[in-house]
Amino acid sequence: MVPEWAPWFMRELNQRKAIRPLTGLGCSPVLVSGNKPIFLKWIGKALREGLIHIPKENGSMTWKLPSNFLARSASEAAMTVRTTS
């Protein structure tokens, strides 16, 4: 997966009913149903149909995360520790 494929992949998950929301506190967890062979089949078909493309440049990929992503994760982990202790 590359970041540019995220909208396509979300559409696939929704159309195939392979994603289901879960209940979360301070987050929006989901359950994704599938496995590596299934997802590779979807990706192969999308590449053949031109729905997604392999990026021309090689190198590391950058995912755009919220600026407070790590801080929020740490505070949520701290809350979990406090509530389970």
PDB file of N, CA and C in Angstrom:
ATOM      1  N   MET A   1       0.835  -1.186   0.000  1.00  0.00           N
ATOM      2  CA  MET A   1       0.000   0.000   0.000  1.00  0.00           C
ATOM      3  C   MET A   1       0.874   1.242   0.000  1.00  0.00           C
ATOM      4  N   VAL A   2       0.451   2.193  -0.778  1.00  0.00           N
ATOM      5  CA  VAL A   2       1.072   3.516  -0.768  1.00  0.00           C
ATOM      6  C   VAL A   2      -0.021   4.518  -0.395  1.00  0.00           C
ATOM      7  N   PRO A   3       0.349   5.644   0.179  1.00  0.00           N
ATOM      8  CA  PRO A   3      -0.667   6.607   0.638  1.00  0.00           C
ATOM      9  C   PRO A   3      -1.675   7.001  -0.446  1.00  0.00           C
ATOM     10  N   GLU A   4      -1.226   7.095  -1.688  1.00  0.00           N
ATOM     11  CA  GLU A   4      -2.119   7.508  -2.772  1.00  0.00           C
ATOM     12  C   GLU A   4      -3.245   6.501  -3.018  1.00  0.00           C
ATOM     13  N   TRP A   5      -3.072   5.274  -2.571  1.00  0.00           N
ATOM     14  CA  TRP A   5      -4.085   4.241  -2.774  1.00  0.00           C
ATOM     15  C   TRP A   5      -5.163   4.244  -1.691  1.00  0.00           C
ATOM     16  N   ALA A   6      -4.984   5.007  -0.635  1.00  0.00           N
ATOM     17  CA  ALA A   6      -5.910   4.970   0.506  1.00  0.00           C
ATOM     18  C   ALA A   6      -7.369   5.206   0.111  1.00  0.00           C
ATOM     19  N   PRO A   7      -7.699   6.231  -0.696  1.00  0.00           N
ATOM     20  CA  PRO A   7      -9.114   6.420  -1.060  1.00  0.00           C
ATOM     21  C   PRO A   7      -9.677   5.222  -1.830  1.00  0.00           C
ATOM     22  N   TRP A   8      -8.894   4.694  -2.771  1.00  0.00           N
ATOM     23  CA  TRP A   8      -9.328   3.516  -3.526  1.00  0.00           C
ATOM     24  C   TRP A   8      -9.552   2.330  -2.580  1.00  0.00           C
ATOM     25  N   PHE A   9      -8.601   2.095  -1.672  1.00  0.00           N
ATOM     26  CA  PHE A   9      -8.697   0.949  -0.775  1.00  0.00           C
ATOM     27  C   PHE A   9      -9.910   1.070   0.144  1.00  0.00           C
ATOM     28  N   MET A  10     -10.173   2.265   0.651  1.00  0.00           N
ATOM     29  CA  MET A  10     -11.364   2.472   1.498  1.00  0.00           C
ATOM     30  C   MET A  10     -12.646   2.192   0.709  1.00  0.00           C
ATOM     31  N   ARG A  11     -12.685   2.640  -0.557  1.00  0.00           N
ATOM     32  CA  ARG A  11     -13.864   2.345  -1.394  1.00  0.00           C
ATOM     33  C   ARG A  11     -14.039   0.833  -1.544  1.00  0.00           C
ATOM     34  N   GLU A  12     -12.933   0.129  -1.805  1.00  0.00           N
ATOM     35  CA  GLU A  12     -12.995  -1.326  -1.949  1.00  0.00           C
ATOM     36  C   GLU A  12     -13.513  -1.978  -0.676  1.00  0.00           C
ATOM     37  N   LEU A  13     -12.953  -1.577   0.460  1.00  0.00           N
ATOM     38  CA  LEU A  13     -13.389  -2.154   1.730  1.00  0.00           C
ATOM     39  C   LEU A  13     -14.883  -1.922   1.948  1.00  0.00           C
ATOM     40  N   ASN A  14     -15.356  -0.719   1.661  1.00  0.00           N
ATOM     41  CA  ASN A  14     -16.779  -0.406   1.851  1.00  0.00           C
ATOM     42  C   ASN A  14     -17.653  -1.154   0.860  1.00  0.00           C
ATOM     43  N   GLN A  15     -17.286  -1.152  -0.419  1.00  0.00           N
ATOM     44  CA  GLN A  15     -18.097  -1.832  -1.443  1.00  0.00           C
ATOM     45  C   GLN A  15     -18.185  -3.336  -1.187  1.00  0.00           C
ATOM     46  N   ARG A  16     -17.107  -3.913  -0.688  1.00  0.00           N
ATOM     47  CA  ARG A  16     -17.073  -5.355  -0.440  1.00  0.00           C
ATOM     48  C   ARG A  16     -17.520  -5.706   0.980  1.00  0.00           C
ATOM     49  N   LYS A  17     -17.972  -4.685   1.717  1.00  0.00           N
ATOM     50  CA  LYS A  17     -18.423  -4.863   3.104  1.00  0.00           C
ATOM     51  C   LYS A  17     -17.359  -5.590   3.941  1.00  0.00           C
ATOM     52  N   ALA A  18     -16.110  -5.160   3.754  1.00  0.00           N
ATOM     53  CA  ALA A  18     -14.982  -5.765   4.455  1.00  0.00           C
ATOM     54  C   ALA A  18     -14.461  -4.873   5.583  1.00  0.00           C
ATOM     55  N   ILE A  19     -15.217  -3.853   5.941  1.00  0.00           N
ATOM     56  CA  ILE A  19     -14.827  -2.969   7.032  1.00  0.00           C
ATOM     57  C   ILE A  19     -16.062  -2.723   7.893  1.00  0.00           C
ATOM     58  N   ARG A  20     -15.842  -2.786   9.196  1.00  0.00           N
ATOM     59  CA  ARG A  20     -16.957  -2.613  10.118  1.00  0.00           C
ATOM     60  C   ARG A  20     -16.510  -1.737  11.272  1.00  0.00           C
ATOM     61  N   PRO A  21     -17.298  -0.714  11.612  1.00  0.00           N
ATOM     62  CA  PRO A  21     -16.918   0.143  12.747  1.00  0.00           C
ATOM     63  C   PRO A  21     -17.046  -0.611  14.064  1.00  0.00           C
ATOM     64  N   LEU A  22     -16.165  -0.275  14.983  1.00  0.00           N
ATOM     65  CA  LEU A  22     -16.206  -0.815  16.339  1.00  0.00           C
ATOM     66  C   LEU A  22     -16.424   0.341  17.308  1.00  0.00           C
ATOM     67  N   THR A  23     -16.803   0.036  18.502  1.00  0.00           N
ATOM     68  CA  THR A  23     -16.987   1.069  19.520  1.00  0.00           C
ATOM     69  C   THR A  23     -15.630   1.415  20.119  1.00  0.00           C
ATOM     70  N   GLY A  24     -15.347   2.704  20.203  1.00  0.00           N
ATOM     71  CA  GLY A  24     -14.087   3.144  20.792  1.00  0.00           C
ATOM     72  C   GLY A  24     -14.293   4.388  21.629  1.00  0.00           C
ATOM     73  N   LEU A  25     -13.389   4.615  22.530  1.00  0.00           N
ATOM     74  CA  LEU A  25     -13.437   5.783  23.391  1.00  0.00           C
ATOM     75  C   LEU A  25     -12.302   6.709  22.973  1.00  0.00           C
ATOM     76  N   GLY A  26     -12.645   7.837  22.397  1.00  0.00           N
ATOM     77  CA  GLY A  26     -11.638   8.787  21.946  1.00  0.00           C
ATOM     78  C   GLY A  26     -10.945   8.376  20.661  1.00  0.00           C
ATOM     79  N   CYS A  27     -11.532   7.413  19.939  1.00  0.00           N
ATOM     80  CA  CYS A  27     -10.951   6.974  18.673  1.00  0.00           C
ATOM     81  C   CYS A  27     -12.067   6.393  17.815  1.00  0.00           C
ATOM     82  N   SER A  28     -11.744   6.033  16.594  1.00  0.00           N
ATOM     83  CA  SER A  28     -12.729   5.449  15.679  1.00  0.00           C
ATOM     84  C   SER A  28     -12.191   4.129  15.135  1.00  0.00           C
ATOM     85  N   PRO A  29     -12.168   3.080  15.957  1.00  0.00           N
ATOM     86  CA  PRO A  29     -11.611   1.802  15.502  1.00  0.00           C
ATOM     87  C   PRO A  29     -12.512   1.115  14.488  1.00  0.00           C
ATOM     88  N   VAL A  30     -11.899   0.303  13.636  1.00  0.00           N
ATOM     89  CA  VAL A  30     -12.641  -0.485  12.657  1.00  0.00           C
ATOM     90  C   VAL A  30     -12.083  -1.902  12.640  1.00  0.00           C
ATOM     91  N   LEU A  31     -12.889  -2.826  12.172  1.00  0.00           N
ATOM     92  CA  LEU A  31     -12.471  -4.200  11.957  1.00  0.00           C
ATOM     93  C   LEU A  31     -12.401  -4.406  10.450  1.00  0.00           C
ATOM     94  N   VAL A  32     -11.240  -4.760   9.947  1.00  0.00           N
ATOM     95  CA  VAL A  32     -11.052  -5.019   8.516  1.00  0.00           C
ATOM     96  C   VAL A  32     -10.994  -6.524   8.328  1.00  0.00           C
ATOM     97  N   SER A  33     -11.858  -7.043   7.457  1.00  0.00           N
ATOM     98  CA  SER A  33     -11.899  -8.477   7.189  1.00  0.00           C
ATOM     99  C   SER A  33     -11.206  -8.750   5.869  1.00  0.00           C
ATOM    100  N   GLY A  34     -10.246  -9.643   5.895  1.00  0.00           N
ATOM    101  CA  GLY A  34      -9.522 -10.012   4.684  1.00  0.00           C
ATOM    102  C   GLY A  34      -8.168 -10.567   5.052  1.00  0.00           C
ATOM    103  N   ASN A  35      -7.418 -10.941   4.033  1.00  0.00           N
ATOM    104  CA  ASN A  35      -6.073 -11.446   4.259  1.00  0.00           C
ATOM    105  C   ASN A  35      -5.176 -11.022   3.099  1.00  0.00           C
ATOM    106  N   LYS A  36      -3.901 -11.312   3.229  1.00  0.00           N
ATOM    107  CA  LYS A  36      -2.928 -10.858   2.238  1.00  0.00           C
ATOM    108  C   LYS A  36      -3.277 -11.312   0.818  1.00  0.00           C
ATOM    109  N   PRO A  37      -3.591 -12.593   0.582  1.00  0.00           N
ATOM    110  CA  PRO A  37      -3.933 -12.994  -0.798  1.00  0.00           C
ATOM    111  C   PRO A  37      -5.135 -12.240  -1.369  1.00  0.00           C
ATOM    112  N   ILE A  38      -6.149 -12.002  -0.551  1.00  0.00           N
ATOM    113  CA  ILE A  38      -7.335 -11.261  -1.020  1.00  0.00           C
ATOM    114  C   ILE A  38      -6.953  -9.837  -1.403  1.00  0.00           C
ATOM    115  N   PHE A  39      -6.227  -9.148  -0.503  1.00  0.00           N
ATOM    116  CA  PHE A  39      -5.860  -7.761  -0.772  1.00  0.00           C
ATOM    117  C   PHE A  39      -4.936  -7.661  -1.982  1.00  0.00           C
ATOM    118  N   LEU A  40      -4.010  -8.603  -2.140  1.00  0.00           N
ATOM    119  CA  LEU A  40      -3.131  -8.591  -3.316  1.00  0.00           C
ATOM    120  C   LEU A  40      -3.924  -8.802  -4.602  1.00  0.00           C
ATOM    121  N   LYS A  41      -4.960  -9.619  -4.540  1.00  0.00           N
ATOM    122  CA  LYS A  41      -5.836  -9.825  -5.704  1.00  0.00           C
ATOM    123  C   LYS A  41      -6.536  -8.520  -6.083  1.00  0.00           C
ATOM    124  N   TRP A  42      -7.059  -7.814  -5.076  1.00  0.00           N
ATOM    125  CA  TRP A  42      -7.702  -6.516  -5.328  1.00  0.00           C
ATOM    126  C   TRP A  42      -6.713  -5.535  -5.950  1.00  0.00           C
ATOM    127  N   ILE A  43      -5.512  -5.471  -5.381  1.00  0.00           N
ATOM    128  CA  ILE A  43      -4.491  -4.534  -5.874  1.00  0.00           C
ATOM    129  C   ILE A  43      -4.100  -4.876  -7.304  1.00  0.00           C
ATOM    130  N   GLY A  44      -3.889  -6.159  -7.590  1.00  0.00           N
ATOM    131  CA  GLY A  44      -3.530  -6.581  -8.947  1.00  0.00           C
ATOM    132  C   GLY A  44      -4.584  -6.190  -9.960  1.00  0.00           C
ATOM    133  N   LYS A  45      -5.842  -6.415  -9.626  1.00  0.00           N
ATOM    134  CA  LYS A  45      -6.947  -6.058 -10.530  1.00  0.00           C
ATOM    135  C   LYS A  45      -7.006  -4.548 -10.747  1.00  0.00           C
ATOM    136  N   ALA A  46      -6.854  -3.785  -9.659  1.00  0.00           N
ATOM    137  CA  ALA A  46      -6.901  -2.321  -9.772  1.00  0.00           C
ATOM    138  C   ALA A  46      -5.739  -1.792 -10.609  1.00  0.00           C
ATOM    139  N   LEU A  47      -4.561  -2.401 -10.474  1.00  0.00           N
ATOM    140  CA  LEU A  47      -3.407  -1.987 -11.293  1.00  0.00           C
ATOM    141  C   LEU A  47      -3.686  -2.276 -12.765  1.00  0.00           C
ATOM    142  N   ARG A  48      -4.200  -3.472 -13.072  1.00  0.00           N
ATOM    143  CA  ARG A  48      -4.511  -3.829 -14.469  1.00  0.00           C
ATOM    144  C   ARG A  48      -5.560  -2.901 -15.071  1.00  0.00           C
ATOM    145  N   GLU A  49      -6.539  -2.502 -14.253  1.00  0.00           N
ATOM    146  CA  GLU A  49      -7.617  -1.633 -14.736  1.00  0.00           C
ATOM    147  C   GLU A  49      -7.250  -0.155 -14.710  1.00  0.00           C
ATOM    148  N   GLY A  50      -6.058   0.164 -14.209  1.00  0.00           N
ATOM    149  CA  GLY A  50      -5.611   1.553 -14.176  1.00  0.00           C
ATOM    150  C   GLY A  50      -6.260   2.397 -13.089  1.00  0.00           C
ATOM    151  N   LEU A  51      -6.870   1.741 -12.108  1.00  0.00           N
ATOM    152  CA  LEU A  51      -7.506   2.486 -11.021  1.00  0.00           C
ATOM    153  C   LEU A  51      -6.475   3.032 -10.041  1.00  0.00           C
ATOM    154  N   ILE A  52      -5.354   2.336  -9.905  1.00  0.00           N
ATOM    155  CA  ILE A  52      -4.231   2.776  -9.085  1.00  0.00           C
ATOM    156  C   ILE A  52      -2.953   2.575  -9.889  1.00  0.00           C
ATOM    157  N   HIS A  53      -1.905   3.245  -9.497  1.00  0.00           N
ATOM    158  CA  HIS A  53      -0.627   3.155 -10.202  1.00  0.00           C
ATOM    159  C   HIS A  53       0.504   3.017  -9.195  1.00  0.00           C
ATOM    160  N   ILE A  54       1.560   2.321  -9.607  1.00  0.00           N
ATOM    161  CA  ILE A  54       2.761   2.240  -8.781  1.00  0.00           C
ATOM    162  C   ILE A  54       3.533   3.535  -8.992  1.00  0.00           C
ATOM    163  N   PRO A  55       3.904   4.219  -7.919  1.00  0.00           N
ATOM    164  CA  PRO A  55       4.637   5.487  -8.059  1.00  0.00           C
ATOM    165  C   PRO A  55       5.937   5.295  -8.836  1.00  0.00           C
ATOM    166  N   LYS A  56       6.269   6.277  -9.671  1.00  0.00           N
ATOM    167  CA  LYS A  56       7.492   6.215 -10.480  1.00  0.00           C
ATOM    168  C   LYS A  56       8.742   6.350  -9.622  1.00  0.00           C
ATOM    169  N   GLU A  57       8.685   7.188  -8.583  1.00  0.00           N
ATOM    170  CA  GLU A  57       9.867   7.404  -7.747  1.00  0.00           C
ATOM    171  C   GLU A  57       9.987   6.296  -6.709  1.00  0.00           C
ATOM    172  N   ASN A  58      11.219   5.913  -6.454  1.00  0.00           N
ATOM    173  CA  ASN A  58      11.518   4.937  -5.403  1.00  0.00           C
ATOM    174  C   ASN A  58      11.899   5.684  -4.145  1.00  0.00           C
ATOM    175  N   GLY A  59      11.879   4.999  -3.049  1.00  0.00           N
ATOM    176  CA  GLY A  59      12.288   5.625  -1.797  1.00  0.00           C
ATOM    177  C   GLY A  59      11.225   5.460  -0.742  1.00  0.00           C
ATOM    178  N   SER A  60      11.459   6.112   0.362  1.00  0.00           N
ATOM    179  CA  SER A  60      10.529   5.978   1.478  1.00  0.00           C
ATOM    180  C   SER A  60       9.232   6.729   1.197  1.00  0.00           C
ATOM    181  N   MET A  61       8.162   6.228   1.788  1.00  0.00           N
ATOM    182  CA  MET A  61       6.852   6.858   1.645  1.00  0.00           C
ATOM    183  C   MET A  61       6.558   7.670   2.894  1.00  0.00           C
ATOM    184  N   THR A  62       5.843   8.740   2.726  1.00  0.00           N
ATOM    185  CA  THR A  62       5.472   9.580   3.857  1.00  0.00           C
ATOM    186  C   THR A  62       3.956   9.578   3.993  1.00  0.00           C
ATOM    187  N   TRP A  63       3.495   9.177   5.155  1.00  0.00           N
ATOM    188  CA  TRP A  63       2.075   9.227   5.466  1.00  0.00           C
ATOM    189  C   TRP A  63       1.812  10.522   6.211  1.00  0.00           C
ATOM    190  N   LYS A  64       0.752  11.227   5.845  1.00  0.00           N
ATOM    191  CA  LYS A  64       0.391  12.469   6.517  1.00  0.00           C
ATOM    192  C   LYS A  64      -0.461  12.117   7.736  1.00  0.00           C
ATOM    193  N   LEU A  65       0.111  12.317   8.911  1.00  0.00           N
ATOM    194  CA  LEU A  65      -0.580  12.052  10.170  1.00  0.00           C
ATOM    195  C   LEU A  65      -0.865  13.366  10.878  1.00  0.00           C
ATOM    196  N   PRO A  66      -1.902  13.402  11.695  1.00  0.00           N
ATOM    197  CA  PRO A  66      -2.151  14.625  12.467  1.00  0.00           C
ATOM    198  C   PRO A  66      -0.925  14.963  13.311  1.00  0.00           C
ATOM    199  N   SER A  67      -0.677  16.262  13.499  1.00  0.00           N
ATOM    200  CA  SER A  67       0.511  16.693  14.238  1.00  0.00           C
ATOM    201  C   SER A  67       0.519  16.178  15.674  1.00  0.00           C
ATOM    202  N   ASN A  68      -0.644  15.915  16.247  1.00  0.00           N
ATOM    203  CA  ASN A  68      -0.712  15.433  17.627  1.00  0.00           C
ATOM    204  C   ASN A  68      -0.893  13.915  17.701  1.00  0.00           C
ATOM    205  N   PHE A  69      -0.615  13.203  16.626  1.00  0.00           N
ATOM    206  CA  PHE A  69      -0.844  11.759  16.573  1.00  0.00           C
ATOM    207  C   PHE A  69      -0.121  11.008  17.689  1.00  0.00           C
ATOM    208  N   LEU A  70       1.174  11.233  17.837  1.00  0.00           N
ATOM    209  CA  LEU A  70       1.935  10.515  18.855  1.00  0.00           C
ATOM    210  C   LEU A  70       1.563  10.975  20.259  1.00  0.00           C
ATOM    211  N   ALA A  71       1.323  12.249  20.437  1.00  0.00           N
ATOM    212  CA  ALA A  71       0.942  12.765  21.753  1.00  0.00           C
ATOM    213  C   ALA A  71      -0.399  12.179  22.173  1.00  0.00           C
ATOM    214  N   ARG A  72      -1.324  12.124  21.231  1.00  0.00           N
ATOM    215  CA  ARG A  72      -2.646  11.586  21.537  1.00  0.00           C
ATOM    216  C   ARG A  72      -2.541  10.099  21.864  1.00  0.00           C
ATOM    217  N   SER A  73      -1.733   9.360  21.130  1.00  0.00           N
ATOM    218  CA  SER A  73      -1.559   7.932  21.397  1.00  0.00           C
ATOM    219  C   SER A  73      -0.971   7.707  22.779  1.00  0.00           C
ATOM    220  N   ALA A  74      -0.003   8.517  23.163  1.00  0.00           N
ATOM    221  CA  ALA A  74       0.623   8.376  24.481  1.00  0.00           C
ATOM    222  C   ALA A  74      -0.378   8.680  25.583  1.00  0.00           C
ATOM    223  N   SER A  75      -1.184   9.735  25.403  1.00  0.00           N
ATOM    224  CA  SER A  75      -2.156  10.081  26.448  1.00  0.00           C
ATOM    225  C   SER A  75      -3.254   9.028  26.542  1.00  0.00           C
ATOM    226  N   GLU A  76      -3.667   8.448  25.408  1.00  0.00           N
ATOM    227  CA  GLU A  76      -4.668   7.386  25.439  1.00  0.00           C
ATOM    228  C   GLU A  76      -4.106   6.154  26.131  1.00  0.00           C
ATOM    229  N   ALA A  77      -2.839   5.850  25.886  1.00  0.00           N
ATOM    230  CA  ALA A  77      -2.193   4.708  26.550  1.00  0.00           C
ATOM    231  C   ALA A  77      -2.130   4.952  28.049  1.00  0.00           C
ATOM    232  N   ALA A  78      -1.828   6.177  28.452  1.00  0.00           N
ATOM    233  CA  ALA A  78      -1.762   6.501  29.883  1.00  0.00           C
ATOM    234  C   ALA A  78      -3.130   6.336  30.522  1.00  0.00           C
ATOM    235  N   MET A  79      -4.179   6.757  29.824  1.00  0.00           N
ATOM    236  CA  MET A  79      -5.532   6.608  30.348  1.00  0.00           C
ATOM    237  C   MET A  79      -5.880   5.130  30.500  1.00  0.00           C
ATOM    238  N   THR A  80      -5.459   4.306  29.573  1.00  0.00           N
ATOM    239  CA  THR A  80      -5.727   2.875  29.637  1.00  0.00           C
ATOM    240  C   THR A  80      -5.050   2.264  30.848  1.00  0.00           C
ATOM    241  N   VAL A  81      -3.793   2.667  31.080  1.00  0.00           N
ATOM    242  CA  VAL A  81      -3.045   2.151  32.230  1.00  0.00           C
ATOM    243  C   VAL A  81      -3.757   2.547  33.518  1.00  0.00           C
ATOM    244  N   ARG A  82      -4.204   3.807  33.606  1.00  0.00           N
ATOM    245  CA  ARG A  82      -4.873   4.288  34.824  1.00  0.00           C
ATOM    246  C   ARG A  82      -6.189   3.571  35.067  1.00  0.00           C
ATOM    247  N   THR A  83      -6.953   3.315  34.005  1.00  0.00           N
ATOM    248  CA  THR A  83      -8.272   2.719  34.193  1.00  0.00           C
ATOM    249  C   THR A  83      -8.215   1.223  34.431  1.00  0.00           C
ATOM    250  N   THR A  84      -7.127   0.572  34.018  1.00  0.00           N
ATOM    251  CA  THR A  84      -7.033  -0.863  34.216  1.00  0.00           C
ATOM    252  C   THR A  84      -6.253  -1.222  35.465  1.00  0.00           C
ATOM    253  N   SER A  85      -5.630  -0.255  36.100  1.00  0.00           N
ATOM    254  CA  SER A  85      -4.821  -0.544  37.310  1.00  0.00           C
ATOM    255  C   SER A  85      -5.680  -0.614  38.550  1.00  0.00           C
TER     256      SER A  85
END
